[in-house]
Structures are given as C-alpha cells and as structure tokens.
Amino acid sequence: MTKTETTVWDPANHFTNSEDMAAYLEAALEDGDPRLVAAALGDIARAKGMSQIAREAGLGRESLYKALSSSGNPELATVLKVISALGLQLHATPAVEAETAV
C-alpha cells in the first residue's frame, strides 16, 4: 500500500486580498469562539507580516504572537488595535431580524 503524503494547510498562505481576510474574520466571529477569533486574527496578521502589524498596533511582536494564538486570550483593546492595523473594521448587526409591526 502506498503512503499518502500530506502537508499542513496554513490559511495565511491563501489570502489574496482584504476581502478574503475580512470574510475569514467574519466567519470566525460568527462561530462565536473567542479562541477561534484570536487565531483567525493571528492568521491574517501573519499573512500581512506580524512584525509590521505589531509595529502599527503599537505592540510587541512576541506578545502579539502569543495573544493571537489559539491558546491566547487578547484584551479587547489589543483586538481593536490589531483589526485597525490590518486595515479592517469591526461592525455590529442584529443577531435576529426584528419583527415588523402589524
């Protein structure tokens, strides 16, 4: 029987534009798992260059890697700084459409 070789899939290697990055982050936000959101931000930051994002966010590169790992727990201020440094915006929409008055 022939062995199948596999490689690790890294989403950071597959972003082609800001829309891809925003859609990836949106999917993580919709899931609702804070660790997934942090990891998604980390993937996007690695794609754009972690050192550059850390510098633009005013954070240390090593601490940013740690905060945006799947085991990290970044503060909201850190998340907002990183989102801004990535050139993205965070928006809120109602979770359920409001019923229209009859």
C-alpha atoms as a PDB file:
ATOM      1  CA  MET A   1       0.000   0.000   0.000  1.00  0.00           C
ATOM      2  CA  THR A   2       1.320   3.434  -0.936  1.00  0.00           C
ATOM      3  CA  LYS A   3       1.654   6.052   1.758  1.00  0.00           C
ATOM      4  CA  THR A   4      -0.083   9.353   1.177  1.00  0.00           C
ATOM      5  CA  GLU A   5       1.938  12.428   1.991  1.00  0.00           C
ATOM      6  CA  THR A   6       0.118  15.380   3.454  1.00  0.00           C
ATOM      7  CA  THR A   7       1.150  18.926   4.197  1.00  0.00           C
ATOM      8  CA  VAL A   8      -0.065  21.351   6.815  1.00  0.00           C
ATOM      9  CA  TRP A   9      -2.613  23.784   5.416  1.00  0.00           C
ATOM     10  CA  ASP A  10      -1.919  27.358   6.504  1.00  0.00           C
ATOM     11  CA  PRO A  11      -4.699  29.857   5.789  1.00  0.00           C
ATOM     12  CA  ALA A  12      -2.149  32.700   5.899  1.00  0.00           C
ATOM     13  CA  ASN A  13      -0.794  31.426   2.563  1.00  0.00           C
ATOM     14  CA  HIS A  14      -4.166  31.688   0.822  1.00  0.00           C
ATOM     15  CA  PHE A  15      -5.369  35.249   1.371  1.00  0.00           C
ATOM     16  CA  THR A  16      -5.267  37.156  -1.901  1.00  0.00           C
ATOM     17  CA  ASN A  17      -6.933  40.413  -0.836  1.00  0.00           C
ATOM     18  CA  SER A  18      -8.581  42.310   2.018  1.00  0.00           C
ATOM     19  CA  GLU A  19     -11.984  40.861   1.150  1.00  0.00           C
ATOM     20  CA  ASP A  20     -10.661  37.326   1.748  1.00  0.00           C
ATOM     21  CA  MET A  21      -9.257  38.395   5.110  1.00  0.00           C
ATOM     22  CA  ALA A  22     -12.478  40.126   6.129  1.00  0.00           C
ATOM     23  CA  ALA A  23     -14.573  37.083   5.144  1.00  0.00           C
ATOM     24  CA  TYR A  24     -12.273  34.783   7.147  1.00  0.00           C
ATOM     25  CA  LEU A  25     -12.527  37.000  10.237  1.00  0.00           C
ATOM     26  CA  GLU A  26     -16.304  37.304   9.780  1.00  0.00           C
ATOM     27  CA  ALA A  27     -16.658  33.513   9.718  1.00  0.00           C
ATOM     28  CA  ALA A  28     -14.626  33.253  12.932  1.00  0.00           C
ATOM     29  CA  LEU A  29     -16.767  35.931  14.601  1.00  0.00           C
ATOM     30  CA  GLU A  30     -19.965  34.147  13.551  1.00  0.00           C
ATOM     31  CA  ASP A  31     -18.694  30.950  15.181  1.00  0.00           C
ATOM     32  CA  GLY A  32     -18.525  32.797  18.493  1.00  0.00           C
ATOM     33  CA  ASP A  33     -15.439  31.049  19.912  1.00  0.00           C
ATOM     34  CA  PRO A  34     -13.014  33.706  21.232  1.00  0.00           C
ATOM     35  CA  ARG A  35     -10.038  31.388  20.678  1.00  0.00           C
ATOM     36  CA  LEU A  36     -11.018  30.942  17.041  1.00  0.00           C
ATOM     37  CA  VAL A  37     -11.330  34.716  16.594  1.00  0.00           C
ATOM     38  CA  ALA A  38      -7.865  35.244  18.107  1.00  0.00           C
ATOM     39  CA  ALA A  39      -6.389  32.521  15.909  1.00  0.00           C
ATOM     40  CA  ALA A  40      -8.056  33.988  12.795  1.00  0.00           C
ATOM     41  CA  LEU A  41      -6.608  37.411  13.607  1.00  0.00           C
ATOM     42  CA  GLY A  42      -3.229  35.712  14.014  1.00  0.00           C
ATOM     43  CA  ASP A  43      -3.536  34.018  10.619  1.00  0.00           C
ATOM     44  CA  ILE A  44      -4.400  37.313   8.959  1.00  0.00           C
ATOM     45  CA  ALA A  45      -1.608  39.168  10.776  1.00  0.00           C
ATOM     46  CA  ARG A  46       0.926  36.521   9.680  1.00  0.00           C
ATOM     47  CA  ALA A  47      -0.261  36.907   6.096  1.00  0.00           C
ATOM     48  CA  LYS A  48       0.304  40.662   6.228  1.00  0.00           C
ATOM     49  CA  GLY A  49       3.515  40.403   8.258  1.00  0.00           C
ATOM     50  CA  MET A  50       3.397  40.013  12.034  1.00  0.00           C
ATOM     51  CA  SER A  51       6.240  42.487  12.627  1.00  0.00           C
ATOM     52  CA  GLN A  52       4.531  45.178  10.574  1.00  0.00           C
ATOM     53  CA  ILE A  53       1.157  44.629  12.265  1.00  0.00           C
ATOM     54  CA  ALA A  54       2.764  44.656  15.726  1.00  0.00           C
ATOM     55  CA  ARG A  55       4.530  47.928  14.899  1.00  0.00           C
ATOM     56  CA  GLU A  56       1.350  49.565  13.521  1.00  0.00           C
ATOM     57  CA  ALA A  57      -0.674  48.362  16.518  1.00  0.00           C
ATOM     58  CA  GLY A  58       1.969  49.571  18.973  1.00  0.00           C
ATOM     59  CA  LEU A  59       2.524  46.090  20.381  1.00  0.00           C
ATOM     60  CA  GLY A  60       5.499  43.752  20.785  1.00  0.00           C
ATOM     61  CA  ARG A  61       5.806  41.113  18.086  1.00  0.00           C
ATOM     62  CA  GLU A  62       6.311  38.226  20.532  1.00  0.00           C
ATOM     63  CA  SER A  63       3.388  39.276  22.724  1.00  0.00           C
ATOM     64  CA  LEU A  64       1.232  39.629  19.618  1.00  0.00           C
ATOM     65  CA  TYR A  65       2.092  36.081  18.502  1.00  0.00           C
ATOM     66  CA  LYS A  66       1.133  34.822  21.963  1.00  0.00           C
ATOM     67  CA  ALA A  67      -2.099  36.853  22.181  1.00  0.00           C
ATOM     68  CA  LEU A  68      -3.265  35.790  18.713  1.00  0.00           C
ATOM     69  CA  SER A  69      -2.539  32.094  19.070  1.00  0.00           C
ATOM     70  CA  SER A  70      -5.365  29.598  19.517  1.00  0.00           C
ATOM     71  CA  SER A  71      -4.469  29.469  23.223  1.00  0.00           C
ATOM     72  CA  GLY A  72      -4.171  33.253  23.568  1.00  0.00           C
ATOM     73  CA  ASN A  73      -6.661  35.478  25.331  1.00  0.00           C
ATOM     74  CA  PRO A  74      -6.136  39.018  23.996  1.00  0.00           C
ATOM     75  CA  GLU A  75      -7.761  42.016  25.612  1.00  0.00           C
ATOM     76  CA  LEU A  76     -10.422  43.831  23.608  1.00  0.00           C
ATOM     77  CA  ALA A  77      -8.061  46.803  23.246  1.00  0.00           C
ATOM     78  CA  THR A  78      -5.491  44.518  21.604  1.00  0.00           C
ATOM     79  CA  VAL A  79      -8.085  43.041  19.252  1.00  0.00           C
ATOM     80  CA  LEU A  80      -9.256  46.503  18.194  1.00  0.00           C
ATOM     81  CA  LYS A  81      -5.671  47.719  17.624  1.00  0.00           C
ATOM     82  CA  VAL A  82      -4.886  44.667  15.502  1.00  0.00           C
ATOM     83  CA  ILE A  83      -8.083  44.967  13.472  1.00  0.00           C
ATOM     84  CA  SER A  84      -7.240  48.601  12.752  1.00  0.00           C
ATOM     85  CA  ALA A  85      -3.620  47.751  11.857  1.00  0.00           C
ATOM     86  CA  LEU A  86      -4.930  45.086   9.466  1.00  0.00           C
ATOM     87  CA  GLY A  87      -6.994  47.707   7.665  1.00  0.00           C
ATOM     88  CA  LEU A  88     -10.250  46.051   8.707  1.00  0.00           C
ATOM     89  CA  GLN A  89     -13.288  47.349  10.567  1.00  0.00           C
ATOM     90  CA  LEU A  90     -15.466  45.649  13.145  1.00  0.00           C
ATOM     91  CA  HIS A  91     -19.227  46.065  12.659  1.00  0.00           C
ATOM     92  CA  ALA A  92     -22.260  45.006  14.669  1.00  0.00           C
ATOM     93  CA  THR A  93     -25.572  43.851  13.242  1.00  0.00           C
ATOM     94  CA  PRO A  94     -28.665  42.463  14.956  1.00  0.00           C
ATOM     95  CA  ALA A  95     -28.433  38.716  15.524  1.00  0.00           C
ATOM     96  CA  VAL A  96     -32.121  38.237  14.738  1.00  0.00           C
ATOM     97  CA  GLU A  97     -34.194  40.426  12.468  1.00  0.00           C
ATOM     98  CA  ALA A  98     -36.688  42.498  14.422  1.00  0.00           C
ATOM     99  CA  GLU A  99     -40.292  41.562  13.774  1.00  0.00           C
ATOM    100  CA  THR A 100     -42.154  44.209  11.841  1.00  0.00           C
ATOM    101  CA  ALA A 101     -45.156  45.827  13.488  1.00  0.00           C
ATOM    102  CA  VAL A 102     -48.506  44.760  12.063  1.00  0.00           C
END
